[in-house]
């Protein structure tokens, strides 16, 4: 568990990138599926639960990353991006209001970028804490 906490930005950027690939691949999979057969136009259950799996893992990655970062705006940016991703995914499940499919890419890409930036510039080590280069 401690290793996951220390590598939370690596895990977070990896999971966010997987989530992004999942979002990009979904339309192509359904186009191919529609071309092959007209019987099964509904999303497989396991495929639709992958989103929730990514949300849970990304939640813990952000939780651990925000515990270790010393840059206040980074904590805020990570949580806002996760909340936006959560909102888009849940909205997709319950169809509360219309959102274009492209909106899911914005918070997913933001999470990848923020985790990579946080890993590079904002981590606290055992010896010393990061210097707030950008406040």
Protein backbone atom coordinates (compact mmCIF):
# COMPACT_ATOMS: atom_id res chain seq x y z
CA UNK A 1 0.00 0.00 0.00
CA UNK A 2 2.88 2.39 0.77
CA UNK A 3 4.36 1.81 -2.69
CA UNK A 4 1.02 2.76 -4.25
CA UNK A 5 0.96 5.96 -2.19
CA UNK A 6 4.49 6.84 -3.30
CA UNK A 7 3.72 6.07 -6.94
CA UNK A 8 0.23 7.59 -6.95
CA UNK A 9 1.03 10.01 -9.78
CA UNK A 10 2.38 7.21 -11.97
CA UNK A 11 -0.70 5.12 -11.23
CA UNK A 12 -2.98 8.11 -11.71
CA UNK A 13 -1.53 9.12 -15.07
CA UNK A 14 -1.54 5.48 -16.22
CA UNK A 15 -5.17 4.91 -15.20
CA UNK A 16 -6.24 8.25 -16.67
CA UNK A 17 -4.52 7.34 -19.94
CA UNK A 18 -6.25 3.93 -19.93
CA UNK A 19 -9.56 5.68 -19.28
CA UNK A 20 -8.87 8.00 -22.19
CA UNK A 21 -8.07 5.05 -24.49
CA UNK A 22 -11.25 3.32 -23.30
CA UNK A 23 -13.26 6.44 -24.19
CA UNK A 24 -11.62 6.73 -27.59
CA UNK A 25 -11.99 3.02 -28.42
CA UNK A 26 -15.66 2.65 -27.45
CA UNK A 27 -17.19 4.28 -30.55
CA UNK A 28 -14.94 2.27 -32.87
CA UNK A 29 -15.81 -0.99 -31.12
CA UNK A 30 -19.51 -0.32 -31.52
CA UNK A 31 -19.13 0.65 -35.16
CA UNK A 32 -17.29 -2.61 -35.81
CA UNK A 33 -19.84 -4.56 -33.78
CA UNK A 34 -22.74 -3.00 -35.70
CA UNK A 35 -21.11 -3.93 -38.97
CA UNK A 36 -20.70 -7.55 -37.88
CA UNK A 37 -24.17 -8.19 -36.49
CA UNK A 38 -27.37 -6.35 -35.86
CA UNK A 39 -28.38 -8.44 -32.85
CA UNK A 40 -26.29 -6.92 -30.09
CA UNK A 41 -26.40 -3.14 -30.14
CA UNK A 42 -26.33 -2.78 -26.37
CA UNK A 43 -23.12 -2.12 -24.47
CA UNK A 44 -21.77 -5.23 -22.71
CA UNK A 45 -22.13 -4.92 -18.92
CA UNK A 46 -18.43 -5.51 -18.27
CA UNK A 47 -17.45 -2.74 -20.71
CA UNK A 48 -19.68 -0.17 -19.03
CA UNK A 49 -18.30 -1.03 -15.56
CA UNK A 50 -14.73 -0.31 -16.66
CA UNK A 51 -15.53 3.43 -16.35
CA UNK A 52 -16.46 3.01 -12.71
CA UNK A 53 -13.35 0.92 -12.07
CA UNK A 54 -11.21 3.73 -13.53
CA UNK A 55 -13.04 6.29 -11.39
CA UNK A 56 -12.36 4.37 -8.18
CA UNK A 57 -8.67 3.86 -8.94
CA UNK A 58 -8.25 7.48 -10.02
CA UNK A 59 -9.99 8.65 -6.83
CA UNK A 60 -7.39 6.90 -4.67
CA UNK A 61 -4.52 8.05 -6.89
CA UNK A 62 -5.66 11.65 -6.51
CA UNK A 63 -6.23 11.21 -2.79
CA UNK A 64 -2.65 10.01 -2.28
CA UNK A 65 -1.17 12.54 -4.71
CA UNK A 66 -2.87 15.45 -2.96
CA UNK A 67 -1.58 14.21 0.39
CA UNK A 68 2.00 14.31 -0.91
CA UNK A 69 2.01 17.47 -3.02
CA UNK A 70 2.84 20.83 -1.55
CA UNK A 71 1.37 22.98 -4.30
CA UNK A 72 -2.10 24.12 -3.30
CA UNK A 73 -3.39 24.78 -6.83
CA UNK A 74 -2.38 21.22 -7.82
CA UNK A 75 -4.63 19.73 -5.13
CA UNK A 76 -7.52 21.85 -6.35
CA UNK A 77 -6.85 21.09 -10.04
CA UNK A 78 -6.66 17.32 -9.47
CA UNK A 79 -9.91 17.21 -7.49
CA UNK A 80 -11.77 19.47 -9.94
CA UNK A 81 -10.64 17.32 -12.88
CA UNK A 82 -11.70 14.15 -11.08
CA UNK A 83 -15.08 15.63 -10.17
CA UNK A 84 -15.64 16.66 -13.79
CA UNK A 85 -14.71 13.15 -14.97
CA UNK A 86 -17.02 11.65 -12.35
CA UNK A 87 -19.86 13.94 -13.45
CA UNK A 88 -19.45 13.06 -17.12
CA UNK A 89 -19.26 9.30 -16.45
CA UNK A 90 -22.25 9.27 -14.10
CA UNK A 91 -24.22 11.46 -16.48
CA UNK A 92 -23.44 8.99 -19.23
CA UNK A 93 -24.89 6.19 -17.09
CA UNK A 94 -28.11 7.94 -16.04
CA UNK A 95 -28.63 10.40 -18.94
CA UNK A 96 -29.45 13.34 -16.70
CA UNK A 97 -28.58 15.98 -19.33
CA UNK A 98 -27.05 16.02 -22.78
CA UNK A 99 -23.28 16.25 -23.02
CA UNK A 100 -21.33 15.68 -26.22
CA UNK A 101 -19.15 12.56 -26.13
CA UNK A 102 -16.04 14.70 -26.48
CA UNK A 103 -16.49 16.22 -23.02
CA UNK A 104 -15.09 13.11 -21.34
CA UNK A 105 -11.72 13.72 -23.01
CA UNK A 106 -11.16 17.07 -21.31
CA UNK A 107 -10.98 15.88 -17.67
CA UNK A 108 -9.25 12.62 -18.66
CA UNK A 109 -6.49 14.48 -20.50
CA UNK A 110 -6.29 17.03 -17.67
CA UNK A 111 -5.74 14.24 -15.13
CA UNK A 112 -2.94 12.69 -17.20
CA UNK A 113 -1.20 16.06 -17.56
CA UNK A 114 -1.69 17.06 -13.92
CA UNK A 115 -0.37 13.75 -12.58
CA UNK A 116 2.70 13.96 -14.81
CA UNK A 117 3.33 17.59 -13.81
CA UNK A 118 2.79 16.78 -10.14
CA UNK A 119 5.22 13.87 -10.30
CA UNK A 120 7.88 15.99 -11.93
CA UNK A 121 7.61 19.25 -9.94
CA UNK A 122 5.46 18.98 -6.85
CA UNK A 123 6.37 15.85 -4.90
CA UNK A 124 7.80 15.85 -1.42
CA UNK A 125 10.70 13.50 -0.86
CA UNK A 126 11.85 12.10 2.43
CA UNK A 127 14.79 14.53 2.51
CA UNK A 128 13.17 17.73 1.33
CA UNK A 129 9.94 19.12 -0.01
CA UNK A 130 9.47 20.52 -3.44
CA UNK A 131 10.05 24.15 -4.14
CA UNK A 132 6.90 25.95 -5.12
CA UNK A 133 8.14 27.08 -8.53
CA UNK A 134 4.62 28.03 -9.60
CA UNK A 135 2.19 29.07 -6.92
